[in-house]
Amino acid sequence: MKVSLGDSQSAVYTLPLASVSPAAFEAPDSSGNRLVIWARDKNNRIISSANPARRNGTVVLYVNGLGAVDHTPPSGDPAPQQPIANTRVKPKVTIGGIDAPVSLSALLPDTVGLYQIQLTVPAKAPGGRQPVVITINGIDSKAANLPVQ
């Protein structure tokens, strides 16, 4: 990296970059100012305190930073619908500290740089707001809250 300002330039610095940096998108919950993970249920409704994720139910998380995919679109182009651009490494997801089986990890078709993780909420997941952590290549995301019923 080199910084230029007018005719002045800094020295060149080498910055280490990680190949992954998982993070869930968050949005304000309708019940207050706390944040919840941006997720949808099988009926495409946003998960919230009013519509919590159900145990054994399918949830899609919208995330970024999952790294390389098997069908990389050109830079700046939307992800293809077919073939789907699956991540080369499947992330591990926990809800309330319990592993949530991941059935899909891929770029979301027709978007640029947005990933989706489809998972099943564990039957033994605790109820209430539960921390969700995404791990890929040994790197953990910041915990985000997911309401579970």
C-alpha atoms as a PDB file:
ATOM      1  CA  MET A   1       0.000   0.000   0.000  1.00  0.00           C
ATOM      2  CA  LYS A   2       1.166   3.497  -0.773  1.00  0.00           C
ATOM      3  CA  VAL A   3      -0.644   6.686   0.180  1.00  0.00           C
ATOM      4  CA  SER A   4      -0.521   9.699  -2.104  1.00  0.00           C
ATOM      5  CA  LEU A   5      -1.660  13.200  -1.216  1.00  0.00           C
ATOM      6  CA  GLY A   6      -1.014  15.777  -3.871  1.00  0.00           C
ATOM      7  CA  ASP A   7       2.669  15.508  -4.800  1.00  0.00           C
ATOM      8  CA  SER A   8       3.573  13.665  -1.572  1.00  0.00           C
ATOM      9  CA  GLN A   9       3.754   9.882  -1.330  1.00  0.00           C
ATOM     10  CA  SER A  10       4.341   7.574   1.584  1.00  0.00           C
ATOM     11  CA  ALA A  11       6.688   4.641   1.617  1.00  0.00           C
ATOM     12  CA  VAL A  12       5.302   1.348   0.332  1.00  0.00           C
ATOM     13  CA  TYR A  13       3.892  -0.871   3.093  1.00  0.00           C
ATOM     14  CA  THR A  14       3.098  -4.550   2.739  1.00  0.00           C
ATOM     15  CA  LEU A  15      -0.198  -5.465   4.390  1.00  0.00           C
ATOM     16  CA  PRO A  16      -1.101  -9.042   5.223  1.00  0.00           C
ATOM     17  CA  LEU A  17      -4.540  -9.971   3.913  1.00  0.00           C
ATOM     18  CA  ALA A  18      -6.588 -12.914   5.090  1.00  0.00           C
ATOM     19  CA  SER A  19      -8.217 -15.171   2.502  1.00  0.00           C
ATOM     20  CA  VAL A  20     -11.398 -15.218   4.620  1.00  0.00           C
ATOM     21  CA  SER A  21     -13.029 -12.943   7.167  1.00  0.00           C
ATOM     22  CA  PRO A  22     -16.508 -14.303   7.934  1.00  0.00           C
ATOM     23  CA  ALA A  23     -19.154 -11.875   9.152  1.00  0.00           C
ATOM     24  CA  ALA A  24     -22.929 -11.941   9.307  1.00  0.00           C
ATOM     25  CA  PHE A  25     -24.985  -8.983   8.180  1.00  0.00           C
ATOM     26  CA  GLU A  26     -26.948  -7.493  11.030  1.00  0.00           C
ATOM     27  CA  ALA A  27     -30.041  -5.305  11.150  1.00  0.00           C
ATOM     28  CA  PRO A  28     -32.046  -3.669  13.922  1.00  0.00           C
ATOM     29  CA  ASP A  29     -34.759  -5.873  15.364  1.00  0.00           C
ATOM     30  CA  SER A  30     -38.315  -4.513  15.202  1.00  0.00           C
ATOM     31  CA  SER A  31     -38.634  -4.931  18.987  1.00  0.00           C
ATOM     32  CA  GLY A  32     -35.788  -2.577  19.879  1.00  0.00           C
ATOM     33  CA  ASN A  33     -32.293  -1.405  19.153  1.00  0.00           C
ATOM     34  CA  ARG A  34     -30.512  -4.730  19.626  1.00  0.00           C
ATOM     35  CA  LEU A  35     -29.072  -6.308  16.527  1.00  0.00           C
ATOM     36  CA  VAL A  36     -30.028  -9.652  15.070  1.00  0.00           C
ATOM     37  CA  ILE A  37     -28.430 -11.650  12.328  1.00  0.00           C
ATOM     38  CA  TRP A  38     -29.859 -10.978   8.845  1.00  0.00           C
ATOM     39  CA  ALA A  39     -31.565 -14.268   8.153  1.00  0.00           C
ATOM     40  CA  ARG A  40     -34.666 -15.664   6.496  1.00  0.00           C
ATOM     41  CA  ASP A  41     -36.792 -18.724   7.170  1.00  0.00           C
ATOM     42  CA  LYS A  42     -38.053 -21.267   4.604  1.00  0.00           C
ATOM     43  CA  ASN A  43     -40.978 -18.927   3.798  1.00  0.00           C
ATOM     44  CA  ASN A  44     -38.509 -16.104   3.012  1.00  0.00           C
ATOM     45  CA  ARG A  45     -39.548 -14.105   6.106  1.00  0.00           C
ATOM     46  CA  ILE A  46     -36.866 -12.234   8.037  1.00  0.00           C
ATOM     47  CA  ILE A  47     -35.980 -13.849  11.362  1.00  0.00           C
ATOM     48  CA  SER A  48     -36.745 -11.479  14.235  1.00  0.00           C
ATOM     49  CA  SER A  49     -38.141 -11.514  17.772  1.00  0.00           C
ATOM     50  CA  ALA A  50     -41.608 -11.572  16.173  1.00  0.00           C
ATOM     51  CA  ASN A  51     -40.584 -14.415  13.823  1.00  0.00           C
ATOM     52  CA  PRO A  52     -37.915 -16.483  15.612  1.00  0.00           C
ATOM     53  CA  ALA A  53     -36.041 -19.335  13.962  1.00  0.00           C
ATOM     54  CA  ARG A  54     -37.582 -22.686  14.762  1.00  0.00           C
ATOM     55  CA  ARG A  55     -35.618 -25.686  15.971  1.00  0.00           C
ATOM     56  CA  ASN A  56     -35.116 -28.207  13.131  1.00  0.00           C
ATOM     57  CA  GLY A  57     -36.125 -25.421  10.716  1.00  0.00           C
ATOM     58  CA  THR A  58     -34.152 -24.231   7.721  1.00  0.00           C
ATOM     59  CA  VAL A  59     -32.590 -20.775   7.917  1.00  0.00           C
ATOM     60  CA  VAL A  60     -30.587 -18.830   5.339  1.00  0.00           C
ATOM     61  CA  LEU A  61     -27.936 -16.482   6.716  1.00  0.00           C
ATOM     62  CA  TYR A  62     -26.584 -13.658   4.547  1.00  0.00           C
ATOM     63  CA  VAL A  63     -22.886 -13.154   5.159  1.00  0.00           C
ATOM     64  CA  ASN A  64     -19.636 -11.981   3.648  1.00  0.00           C
ATOM     65  CA  GLY A  65     -15.991 -12.976   3.815  1.00  0.00           C
ATOM     66  CA  LEU A  66     -16.276 -16.708   3.046  1.00  0.00           C
ATOM     67  CA  GLY A  67     -13.463 -16.667   0.491  1.00  0.00           C
ATOM     68  CA  ALA A  68     -12.959 -18.499  -2.763  1.00  0.00           C
ATOM     69  CA  VAL A  69     -15.763 -20.182  -4.694  1.00  0.00           C
ATOM     70  CA  ASP A  70     -15.651 -22.937  -7.303  1.00  0.00           C
ATOM     71  CA  HIS A  71     -17.195 -20.815 -10.089  1.00  0.00           C
ATOM     72  CA  THR A  72     -15.733 -17.343  -9.608  1.00  0.00           C
ATOM     73  CA  PRO A  73     -17.600 -14.631 -11.505  1.00  0.00           C
ATOM     74  CA  PRO A  74     -15.555 -11.847 -13.129  1.00  0.00           C
ATOM     75  CA  SER A  75     -14.711  -9.050 -10.683  1.00  0.00           C
ATOM     76  CA  GLY A  76     -17.755  -6.838 -10.122  1.00  0.00           C
ATOM     77  CA  ASP A  77     -20.152  -9.173 -11.938  1.00  0.00           C
ATOM     78  CA  PRO A  78     -23.136 -10.757 -10.177  1.00  0.00           C
ATOM     79  CA  ALA A  79     -22.854 -14.378  -9.092  1.00  0.00           C
ATOM     80  CA  PRO A  80     -24.324 -16.788 -11.644  1.00  0.00           C
ATOM     81  CA  GLN A  81     -27.588 -18.636 -11.101  1.00  0.00           C
ATOM     82  CA  GLN A  82     -26.113 -21.720 -12.775  1.00  0.00           C
ATOM     83  CA  PRO A  83     -23.773 -23.208 -11.915  1.00  0.00           C
ATOM     84  CA  ILE A  84     -24.065 -21.975  -8.356  1.00  0.00           C
ATOM     85  CA  ALA A  85     -20.792 -20.588  -6.994  1.00  0.00           C
ATOM     86  CA  ASN A  86     -20.206 -22.799  -3.908  1.00  0.00           C
ATOM     87  CA  THR A  87     -17.520 -21.898  -1.403  1.00  0.00           C
ATOM     88  CA  ARG A  88     -14.445 -24.104  -1.665  1.00  0.00           C
ATOM     89  CA  VAL A  89     -14.518 -24.628   2.099  1.00  0.00           C
ATOM     90  CA  LYS A  90     -17.806 -25.252   3.924  1.00  0.00           C
ATOM     91  CA  PRO A  91     -18.060 -23.097   7.054  1.00  0.00           C
ATOM     92  CA  LYS A  92     -18.965 -24.399  10.483  1.00  0.00           C
ATOM     93  CA  VAL A  93     -21.854 -22.571  12.161  1.00  0.00           C
ATOM     94  CA  THR A  94     -22.879 -22.763  15.800  1.00  0.00           C
ATOM     95  CA  ILE A  95     -26.097 -21.472  17.336  1.00  0.00           C
ATOM     96  CA  GLY A  96     -25.957 -21.121  21.096  1.00  0.00           C
ATOM     97  CA  GLY A  97     -22.693 -23.101  21.000  1.00  0.00           C
ATOM     98  CA  ILE A  98     -24.310 -26.076  19.225  1.00  0.00           C
ATOM     99  CA  ASP A  99     -23.287 -27.128  15.708  1.00  0.00           C
ATOM    100  CA  ALA A 100     -25.860 -26.244  13.048  1.00  0.00           C
ATOM    101  CA  PRO A 101     -25.674 -28.528   9.975  1.00  0.00           C
ATOM    102  CA  VAL A 102     -24.794 -26.485   6.857  1.00  0.00           C
ATOM    103  CA  SER A 103     -26.395 -27.678   3.611  1.00  0.00           C
ATOM    104  CA  LEU A 104     -25.294 -24.822   1.331  1.00  0.00           C
ATOM    105  CA  SER A 105     -22.536 -22.227   1.354  1.00  0.00           C
ATOM    106  CA  ALA A 106     -22.351 -20.166  -1.838  1.00  0.00           C
ATOM    107  CA  LEU A 107     -22.507 -16.755  -3.426  1.00  0.00           C
ATOM    108  CA  LEU A 108     -26.106 -15.556  -3.629  1.00  0.00           C
ATOM    109  CA  PRO A 109     -27.081 -15.597  -7.323  1.00  0.00           C
ATOM    110  CA  ASP A 110     -27.551 -12.220  -9.021  1.00  0.00           C
ATOM    111  CA  THR A 111     -25.654 -10.338  -6.289  1.00  0.00           C
ATOM    112  CA  VAL A 112     -22.072  -9.107  -6.047  1.00  0.00           C
ATOM    113  CA  GLY A 113     -20.009 -10.405  -3.116  1.00  0.00           C
ATOM    114  CA  LEU A 114     -22.941 -11.595  -0.990  1.00  0.00           C
ATOM    115  CA  TYR A 115     -22.813 -15.143   0.358  1.00  0.00           C
ATOM    116  CA  GLN A 116     -25.618 -17.314   1.697  1.00  0.00           C
ATOM    117  CA  ILE A 117     -25.386 -20.132   4.217  1.00  0.00           C
ATOM    118  CA  GLN A 118     -28.353 -22.484   4.411  1.00  0.00           C
ATOM    119  CA  LEU A 119     -28.486 -24.425   7.654  1.00  0.00           C
ATOM    120  CA  THR A 120     -30.747 -26.332  10.002  1.00  0.00           C
ATOM    121  CA  VAL A 121     -31.317 -24.895  13.465  1.00  0.00           C
ATOM    122  CA  PRO A 122     -30.224 -27.630  15.903  1.00  0.00           C
ATOM    123  CA  ALA A 123     -33.013 -29.406  17.765  1.00  0.00           C
ATOM    124  CA  LYS A 124     -31.112 -28.787  21.015  1.00  0.00           C
ATOM    125  CA  ALA A 125     -30.532 -25.078  20.392  1.00  0.00           C
ATOM    126  CA  PRO A 126     -31.522 -23.018  23.426  1.00  0.00           C
ATOM    127  CA  GLY A 127     -34.471 -20.663  23.073  1.00  0.00           C
ATOM    128  CA  GLY A 128     -34.284 -16.875  23.076  1.00  0.00           C
ATOM    129  CA  ARG A 129     -31.559 -14.764  21.493  1.00  0.00           C
ATOM    130  CA  GLN A 130     -28.645 -17.062  20.742  1.00  0.00           C
ATOM    131  CA  PRO A 131     -25.139 -16.200  19.544  1.00  0.00           C
ATOM    132  CA  VAL A 132     -24.346 -17.393  16.031  1.00  0.00           C
ATOM    133  CA  VAL A 133     -20.677 -17.868  15.120  1.00  0.00           C
ATOM    134  CA  ILE A 134     -19.419 -18.708  11.634  1.00  0.00           C
ATOM    135  CA  THR A 135     -16.003 -20.378  11.373  1.00  0.00           C
ATOM    136  CA  ILE A 136     -14.088 -20.918   8.149  1.00  0.00           C
ATOM    137  CA  ASN A 137     -10.411 -21.810   7.740  1.00  0.00           C
ATOM    138  CA  GLY A 138     -10.051 -21.510  11.522  1.00  0.00           C
ATOM    139  CA  ILE A 139     -11.264 -17.897  11.597  1.00  0.00           C
ATOM    140  CA  ASP A 140     -14.351 -17.084  13.702  1.00  0.00           C
ATOM    141  CA  SER A 141     -16.856 -14.344  12.967  1.00  0.00           C
ATOM    142  CA  LYS A 142     -18.033 -11.930  15.596  1.00  0.00           C
ATOM    143  CA  ALA A 143     -21.048 -13.451  17.339  1.00  0.00           C
ATOM    144  CA  ALA A 144     -24.422 -12.175  16.117  1.00  0.00           C
ATOM    145  CA  ASN A 145     -27.769 -12.845  17.801  1.00  0.00           C
ATOM    146  CA  LEU A 146     -30.469 -15.044  16.339  1.00  0.00           C
ATOM    147  CA  PRO A 147     -33.862 -15.375  18.039  1.00  0.00           C
ATOM    148  CA  VAL A 148     -34.743 -19.069  18.430  1.00  0.00           C
ATOM    149  CA  GLN A 149     -38.102 -20.541  19.427  1.00  0.00           C
END
